[in-house]
């Protein structure tokens, strides 16, 4: 049962017996009213005869005590007093919305500072990942073999199906669109050359990269982001384990190894898709179509596509891990980090493609 006594400058709340799931609202209302009348009085508790209590008891005591400066919990059981004090320490008021109007220059300045800090954070993360790779080459990296194999499994044979399907359809679409234009000049056979050059030089790598950014890069961000929410990343830092060694390095290494092979698979499936259009829709024989395809294939184009795939693997893994490590502390932040990782990896893939294209063209390759 519950009761209270009004003393000089103090209100004593008496707790007796079993208060588990206590539902005597009349007694609670009477105590609430008494406490409300004694606004400046100290609140103390007498729990000498209390036998059992649960979370409802904590909620009742919290409602009595919140907003009070003087509270005496010495008579309460140790665990009950600890829970009450912990509840009173937490500020449950939502942050007030700031109604501050900024002029144009203040907004530009604030966004510039945020962009600069984000840029520095990204550069620092890239440096740390590079250092981890150097430690891996020297045999000093703190990376478990099982983590690397697990990451390798997720971005190797498990991605073959989706890469094959998408690349096949892209090759088929390239051949179909090219054939429509080439029929005007009567040179439909060169569809085979168009598909072979496009897929081996850049399209195979790009399609593999886009698929892997949505499949694997998002997975990296979600996995590490969930660890951030659960404070597992903080635990690793507390133990002195480099995050880039333990979490980032296995994923970057695995994707950089598998992306060139997935790029070659994409090239092959794209050319098969083009061959379907050439043989079924345009009526060429397989030997004739393959003959023109073979003439168009160049080792320089093939190696260029492999280079793009290798670079894309690093970009996708880096973006996924970066946004996972810098994820927020709530469940919604994991979704935001995943979305940012996919968008950033695709954007940076296109940017790097433009840079590599200019460099390679200047080099005459």
Protein backbone atom coordinates (compact mmCIF):
# COMPACT_ATOMS: atom_id res chain seq x y z
CA UNK A 1 0.00 0.00 0.00
CA UNK A 2 0.96 3.64 -0.39
CA UNK A 3 0.52 6.59 1.95
CA UNK A 4 2.20 9.86 2.81
CA UNK A 5 2.83 12.09 5.80
CA UNK A 6 3.22 15.86 5.71
CA UNK A 7 5.95 16.98 8.10
CA UNK A 8 7.61 20.34 8.63
CA UNK A 9 9.22 21.17 5.29
CA UNK A 10 9.04 17.55 4.20
CA UNK A 11 6.62 15.06 2.66
CA UNK A 12 7.33 11.43 3.53
CA UNK A 13 5.99 8.78 1.13
CA UNK A 14 5.51 5.39 2.79
CA UNK A 15 5.81 2.23 0.70
CA UNK A 16 4.64 -1.03 2.23
CA UNK A 17 4.12 -4.62 1.10
CA UNK A 18 4.03 -5.88 -2.47
CA UNK A 19 3.85 -3.03 -5.02
CA UNK A 20 4.28 -5.13 -8.16
CA UNK A 21 1.72 -3.93 -10.74
CA UNK A 22 0.12 -1.79 -8.05
CA UNK A 23 -3.12 -0.34 -9.46
CA UNK A 24 -4.82 1.48 -6.57
CA UNK A 25 -5.36 4.72 -8.44
CA UNK A 26 -7.21 6.34 -5.53
CA UNK A 27 -4.16 6.13 -3.23
CA UNK A 28 -1.87 7.34 -6.04
CA UNK A 29 -4.14 10.30 -6.81
CA UNK A 30 -4.23 11.30 -3.14
CA UNK A 31 -0.44 11.24 -2.90
CA UNK A 32 -0.07 13.21 -6.16
CA UNK A 33 -2.44 15.86 -4.80
CA UNK A 34 -0.56 16.11 -1.51
CA UNK A 35 2.80 16.44 -3.27
CA UNK A 36 1.38 19.11 -5.58
CA UNK A 37 0.22 21.17 -2.59
CA UNK A 38 3.64 20.99 -0.94
CA UNK A 39 5.60 22.45 -3.86
CA UNK A 40 8.63 23.58 -1.88
CA UNK A 41 8.81 20.66 0.51
CA UNK A 42 11.48 18.01 0.50
CA UNK A 43 10.42 14.49 -0.56
CA UNK A 44 11.63 11.46 1.37
CA UNK A 45 10.69 7.81 1.25
CA UNK A 46 10.08 5.18 3.91
CA UNK A 47 10.51 1.72 2.36
CA UNK A 48 11.34 -0.32 5.49
CA UNK A 49 8.25 -2.50 5.01
CA UNK A 50 8.51 -2.72 1.21
CA UNK A 51 8.75 -6.37 0.12
CA UNK A 52 8.44 -6.40 -3.70
CA UNK A 53 8.52 -3.79 -6.45
CA UNK A 54 8.77 -3.55 -10.25
CA UNK A 55 9.00 -0.98 -13.04
CA UNK A 56 5.57 0.45 -12.18
CA UNK A 57 6.98 1.43 -8.81
CA UNK A 58 9.86 3.24 -10.48
CA UNK A 59 7.42 5.08 -12.73
CA UNK A 60 5.30 6.15 -9.77
CA UNK A 61 8.31 7.44 -7.81
CA UNK A 62 9.65 9.22 -10.88
CA UNK A 63 6.35 11.04 -11.38
CA UNK A 64 6.45 12.15 -7.74
CA UNK A 65 10.07 13.27 -7.82
CA UNK A 66 10.54 14.96 -11.19
CA UNK A 67 11.08 18.68 -10.93
CA UNK A 68 12.01 18.51 -7.23
CA UNK A 69 15.37 19.76 -6.00
CA UNK A 70 15.50 17.86 -2.68
CA UNK A 71 14.84 14.13 -2.73
CA UNK A 72 15.96 11.63 -0.08
CA UNK A 73 16.28 8.08 -1.44
CA UNK A 74 18.41 6.60 1.35
CA UNK A 75 15.53 4.44 2.63
CA UNK A 76 14.79 2.90 -0.76
CA UNK A 77 16.29 -0.44 -1.83
CA UNK A 78 19.62 0.08 -3.55
CA UNK A 79 18.46 -1.00 -7.02
CA UNK A 80 15.24 1.01 -6.81
CA UNK A 81 17.13 4.13 -5.71
CA UNK A 82 19.64 3.68 -8.55
CA UNK A 83 16.90 3.37 -11.19
CA UNK A 84 15.08 6.41 -9.83
CA UNK A 85 18.23 8.54 -9.83
CA UNK A 86 19.10 7.36 -13.34
CA UNK A 87 15.62 8.27 -14.59
CA UNK A 88 15.82 11.71 -13.02
CA UNK A 89 19.19 12.43 -14.66
CA UNK A 90 17.88 11.95 -18.19
CA UNK A 91 16.43 15.03 -19.86
CA UNK A 92 13.32 13.81 -21.64
CA UNK A 93 12.32 17.19 -23.00
CA UNK A 94 12.64 17.30 -26.80
CA UNK A 95 15.07 19.95 -28.01
CA UNK A 96 13.34 23.22 -28.72
CA UNK A 97 13.29 24.25 -32.34
CA UNK A 98 15.55 27.19 -32.95
CA UNK A 99 13.73 30.02 -34.58
CA UNK A 100 16.84 31.79 -35.75
CA UNK A 101 16.74 33.44 -39.12
CA UNK A 102 20.05 33.44 -40.93
CA UNK A 103 20.87 35.74 -43.76
CA UNK A 104 22.34 34.52 -47.04
CA UNK A 105 25.99 34.99 -46.08
CA UNK A 106 25.55 33.17 -42.75
CA UNK A 107 24.03 30.18 -44.54
CA UNK A 108 26.82 30.16 -47.11
CA UNK A 109 29.44 30.38 -44.36
CA UNK A 110 27.86 27.61 -42.27
CA UNK A 111 27.50 25.28 -45.26
CA UNK A 112 31.07 26.03 -46.31
CA UNK A 113 32.37 25.10 -42.87
CA UNK A 114 30.34 21.87 -42.89
CA UNK A 115 31.64 21.00 -46.37
CA UNK A 116 35.22 21.68 -45.33
CA UNK A 117 34.89 19.52 -42.21
CA UNK A 118 33.30 16.73 -44.23
CA UNK A 119 36.10 16.96 -46.81
CA UNK A 120 38.78 16.77 -44.10
CA UNK A 121 37.00 13.82 -42.51
CA UNK A 122 36.90 12.00 -45.85
CA UNK A 123 40.57 12.68 -46.59
CA UNK A 124 41.51 11.44 -43.12
CA UNK A 125 39.52 8.24 -43.67
CA UNK A 126 41.24 7.64 -47.02
CA UNK A 127 44.64 8.15 -45.37
CA UNK A 128 43.77 5.68 -42.62
CA UNK A 129 42.61 3.10 -45.16
CA UNK A 130 45.83 3.52 -47.14
CA UNK A 131 47.89 3.06 -43.98
CA UNK A 132 45.92 -0.10 -43.20
CA UNK A 133 46.69 -1.48 -46.66
CA UNK A 134 50.38 -0.77 -46.14
CA UNK A 135 50.23 -2.55 -42.78
CA UNK A 136 48.55 -5.48 -44.54
CA UNK A 137 51.37 -5.69 -47.09
CA UNK A 138 53.94 -5.61 -44.28
CA UNK A 139 52.03 -8.23 -42.26
CA UNK A 140 51.23 -5.91 -39.33
CA UNK A 141 47.52 -5.31 -39.94
CA UNK A 142 45.02 -6.39 -37.27
CA UNK A 143 42.71 -8.23 -39.66
CA UNK A 144 41.10 -11.60 -39.11
CA UNK A 145 41.23 -14.07 -41.96
CA UNK A 146 37.63 -15.14 -41.33
CA UNK A 147 36.42 -11.54 -41.83
CA UNK A 148 38.22 -11.33 -45.16
CA UNK A 149 36.83 -14.69 -46.33
CA UNK A 150 33.31 -13.71 -45.26
CA UNK A 151 33.56 -10.44 -47.20
CA UNK A 152 35.05 -12.27 -50.18
CA UNK A 153 32.15 -14.70 -50.19
CA UNK A 154 29.61 -11.89 -50.19
CA UNK A 155 31.08 -10.06 -53.18
CA UNK A 156 32.25 -12.97 -55.35
CA UNK A 157 30.13 -15.94 -56.46
CA UNK A 158 27.02 -14.61 -54.72
CA UNK A 159 27.04 -11.64 -57.12
CA UNK A 160 27.49 -13.69 -60.30
CA UNK A 161 23.77 -14.08 -60.99
CA UNK A 162 22.76 -10.43 -60.83
CA UNK A 163 25.89 -9.26 -62.67
CA UNK A 164 25.26 -11.76 -65.47
CA UNK A 165 21.61 -10.80 -65.86
CA UNK A 166 22.16 -7.03 -65.88
CA UNK A 167 25.15 -7.19 -68.22
CA UNK A 168 23.33 -9.52 -70.62
CA UNK A 169 20.43 -7.08 -70.84
CA UNK A 170 22.75 -4.09 -71.31
CA UNK A 171 24.56 -5.84 -74.17
CA UNK A 172 21.25 -6.75 -75.73
CA UNK A 173 20.00 -3.14 -75.49
CA UNK A 174 23.24 -1.75 -76.94
CA UNK A 175 23.02 -4.10 -79.89
CA UNK A 176 19.34 -3.37 -80.48
CA UNK A 177 19.76 0.43 -80.38
CA UNK A 178 22.90 0.27 -82.52
CA UNK A 179 21.21 -1.97 -85.08
CA UNK A 180 18.36 0.51 -85.58
CA UNK A 181 20.83 3.20 -86.63
CA UNK A 182 23.17 0.94 -88.59
CA UNK A 183 20.34 -0.52 -90.68
CA UNK A 184 20.04 2.93 -92.27
CA UNK A 185 23.51 2.48 -93.78
CA UNK A 186 23.33 -1.28 -94.29
CA UNK A 187 26.19 -2.06 -91.90
CA UNK A 188 24.29 -3.98 -89.21
CA UNK A 189 27.13 -6.47 -88.85
CA UNK A 190 29.20 -3.83 -87.08
CA UNK A 191 26.81 -4.11 -84.14
CA UNK A 192 29.13 -6.84 -82.94
CA UNK A 193 32.08 -4.43 -82.94
CA UNK A 194 30.03 -1.76 -81.16
CA UNK A 195 29.03 -4.10 -78.34
CA UNK A 196 32.51 -5.62 -77.99
CA UNK A 197 34.29 -2.26 -77.75
CA UNK A 198 31.70 -0.66 -75.47
CA UNK A 199 31.52 -3.57 -73.03
CA UNK A 200 35.25 -4.26 -72.74
CA UNK A 201 36.36 -0.64 -72.60
CA UNK A 202 33.97 0.80 -70.02
CA UNK A 203 30.36 -0.45 -69.96
CA UNK A 204 31.18 -3.82 -68.40
CA UNK A 205 33.06 -2.19 -65.53
CA UNK A 206 30.38 0.48 -65.02
CA UNK A 207 27.49 -2.00 -64.91
CA UNK A 208 29.38 -4.26 -62.50
CA UNK A 209 30.22 -1.23 -60.37
CA UNK A 210 26.65 0.07 -60.22
CA UNK A 211 25.30 -3.34 -59.29
CA UNK A 212 27.94 -3.87 -56.62
CA UNK A 213 27.45 -0.40 -55.16
CA UNK A 214 23.75 -1.12 -54.64
CA UNK A 215 24.35 -4.67 -53.48
CA UNK A 216 27.64 -4.78 -51.59
CA UNK A 217 28.40 -1.12 -50.83
CA UNK A 218 24.98 -0.73 -49.21
CA UNK A 219 25.57 -3.92 -47.24
CA UNK A 220 28.88 -2.58 -45.90
CA UNK A 221 27.25 0.68 -44.78
CA UNK A 222 24.32 -1.11 -43.13
CA UNK A 223 26.50 -3.65 -41.32
CA UNK A 224 29.03 -1.18 -39.92
CA UNK A 225 26.28 1.39 -39.28
CA UNK A 226 24.39 -1.12 -37.15
CA UNK A 227 27.59 -1.80 -35.23
CA UNK A 228 27.91 1.94 -34.67
CA UNK A 229 24.35 2.13 -33.33
CA UNK A 230 25.01 -0.81 -31.01
CA UNK A 231 28.24 0.86 -29.82
CA UNK A 232 30.34 -2.06 -31.05
CA UNK A 233 32.60 0.34 -32.95
CA UNK A 234 33.17 2.30 -29.73
CA UNK A 235 34.06 -0.95 -27.98
CA UNK A 236 36.71 -1.71 -30.62
CA UNK A 237 38.19 1.76 -30.21
CA UNK A 238 38.20 1.32 -26.43
CA UNK A 239 40.21 -1.89 -26.83
CA UNK A 240 42.71 -0.03 -29.02
CA UNK A 241 41.86 -1.90 -32.24
CA UNK A 242 42.20 0.24 -35.41
CA UNK A 243 38.78 0.44 -37.04
CA UNK A 244 40.21 0.60 -40.54
CA UNK A 245 42.21 -2.60 -39.93
CA UNK A 246 39.43 -4.62 -38.34
CA UNK A 247 36.33 -3.47 -40.25
CA UNK A 248 37.38 -1.61 -43.39
CA UNK A 249 40.44 -3.47 -44.66
CA UNK A 250 38.78 -6.92 -45.14
CA UNK A 251 35.97 -5.38 -47.17
CA UNK A 252 38.19 -3.18 -49.34
CA UNK A 253 40.59 -6.05 -50.03
CA UNK A 254 37.79 -8.45 -50.94
CA UNK A 255 36.04 -6.07 -53.34
CA UNK A 256 39.26 -4.94 -55.02
CA UNK A 257 40.11 -8.58 -55.71
CA UNK A 258 36.70 -9.62 -57.03
CA UNK A 259 35.74 -6.56 -59.12
CA UNK A 260 38.19 -7.26 -62.00
CA UNK A 261 36.75 -10.79 -62.31
CA UNK A 262 33.19 -9.50 -62.15
CA UNK A 263 34.12 -6.97 -64.83
CA UNK A 264 35.34 -9.76 -67.12
CA UNK A 265 32.09 -11.64 -66.48
CA UNK A 266 30.13 -8.50 -67.33
CA UNK A 267 32.09 -8.08 -70.57
CA UNK A 268 31.34 -11.66 -71.60
CA UNK A 269 27.64 -11.54 -70.76
CA UNK A 270 27.25 -8.21 -72.55
CA UNK A 271 28.77 -9.65 -75.73
CA UNK A 272 26.50 -12.70 -75.44
CA UNK A 273 23.50 -10.36 -75.16
CA UNK A 274 24.65 -8.56 -78.31
CA UNK A 275 25.09 -11.89 -80.06
CA UNK A 276 21.47 -12.80 -79.32
CA UNK A 277 20.30 -9.67 -81.14
CA UNK A 278 22.76 -10.19 -84.00
CA UNK A 279 21.85 -13.82 -84.62
CA UNK A 280 18.14 -13.87 -83.78
CA UNK A 281 16.93 -10.44 -84.90
CA UNK A 282 19.47 -9.51 -87.59
CA UNK A 283 19.95 -13.01 -88.99
CA UNK A 284 23.74 -13.25 -88.90
CA UNK A 285 25.41 -16.59 -88.32
CA UNK A 286 27.28 -17.18 -85.08
CA UNK A 287 30.59 -17.59 -86.94
CA UNK A 288 30.15 -14.32 -88.84
CA UNK A 289 29.13 -12.41 -85.72
CA UNK A 290 32.05 -13.79 -83.72
CA UNK A 291 34.49 -12.99 -86.53
CA UNK A 292 33.65 -9.26 -86.40
CA UNK A 293 33.60 -9.32 -82.60
CA UNK A 294 37.09 -10.84 -82.52
CA UNK A 295 38.40 -8.16 -84.88
CA UNK A 296 37.07 -5.42 -82.60
CA UNK A 297 38.57 -6.85 -79.42
CA UNK A 298 41.78 -5.18 -78.32
CA UNK A 299 43.92 -5.99 -75.34
CA UNK A 300 44.20 -2.28 -74.49
CA UNK A 301 40.41 -1.96 -74.21
CA UNK A 302 40.21 -5.13 -72.14
CA UNK A 303 42.93 -4.02 -69.71
CA UNK A 304 41.36 -0.58 -69.47
CA UNK A 305 38.09 -2.14 -68.36
CA UNK A 306 39.90 -4.26 -65.77
CA UNK A 307 41.62 -1.12 -64.44
CA UNK A 308 38.27 0.61 -64.07
CA UNK A 309 36.86 -2.41 -62.24
CA UNK A 310 39.80 -2.45 -59.82
CA UNK A 311 39.38 1.26 -59.05
CA UNK A 312 35.60 0.91 -58.73
CA UNK A 313 36.08 -1.86 -56.16
CA UNK A 314 38.12 0.47 -53.97
CA UNK A 315 35.63 3.34 -54.34
CA UNK A 316 32.56 1.22 -53.55
CA UNK A 317 34.10 -0.39 -50.48
CA UNK A 318 35.53 2.91 -49.25
CA UNK A 319 32.20 4.76 -49.55
CA UNK A 320 30.26 1.94 -47.90
CA UNK A 321 32.65 1.67 -44.96
CA UNK A 322 33.02 5.45 -44.57
CA UNK A 323 29.30 6.11 -44.20
CA UNK A 324 28.94 3.06 -41.96
CA UNK A 325 31.67 4.22 -39.57
CA UNK A 326 30.28 7.78 -39.52
CA UNK A 327 26.68 6.64 -39.09
CA UNK A 328 24.47 8.26 -36.45
CA UNK A 329 23.26 6.65 -33.24
CA UNK A 330 19.68 5.72 -34.12
CA UNK A 331 17.97 3.22 -36.40
CA UNK A 332 17.03 5.86 -38.96
CA UNK A 333 20.71 6.78 -39.36
CA UNK A 334 21.47 3.32 -40.74
CA UNK A 335 19.06 3.86 -43.63
CA UNK A 336 20.47 7.33 -44.27
CA UNK A 337 24.04 6.00 -44.25
CA UNK A 338 23.11 3.20 -46.66
CA UNK A 339 21.50 5.64 -49.10
CA UNK A 340 24.46 8.02 -48.93
CA UNK A 341 26.90 5.17 -49.51
CA UNK A 342 25.17 4.05 -52.71
CA UNK A 343 24.76 7.57 -54.08
CA UNK A 344 28.32 8.60 -53.21
CA UNK A 345 29.88 5.47 -54.70
CA UNK A 346 28.01 5.88 -58.01
CA UNK A 347 28.81 9.60 -58.21
CA UNK A 348 32.50 9.04 -57.48
CA UNK A 349 32.62 6.18 -59.99
CA UNK A 350 31.41 8.54 -62.72
CA UNK A 351 33.81 11.28 -61.60
CA UNK A 352 36.80 8.90 -61.56
CA UNK A 353 35.72 7.54 -64.95
CA UNK A 354 35.89 11.05 -66.41
CA UNK A 355 39.31 11.66 -64.87
CA UNK A 356 40.70 8.32 -66.08
CA UNK A 357 39.26 8.88 -69.54
CA UNK A 358 41.01 12.23 -69.88
CA UNK A 359 44.31 10.82 -68.60
CA UNK A 360 44.14 7.78 -70.88
CA UNK A 361 43.20 9.84 -73.92
CA UNK A 362 46.12 12.22 -73.26
CA UNK A 363 48.38 9.18 -72.93
CA UNK A 364 47.11 7.92 -76.27
CA UNK A 365 45.89 4.59 -74.97
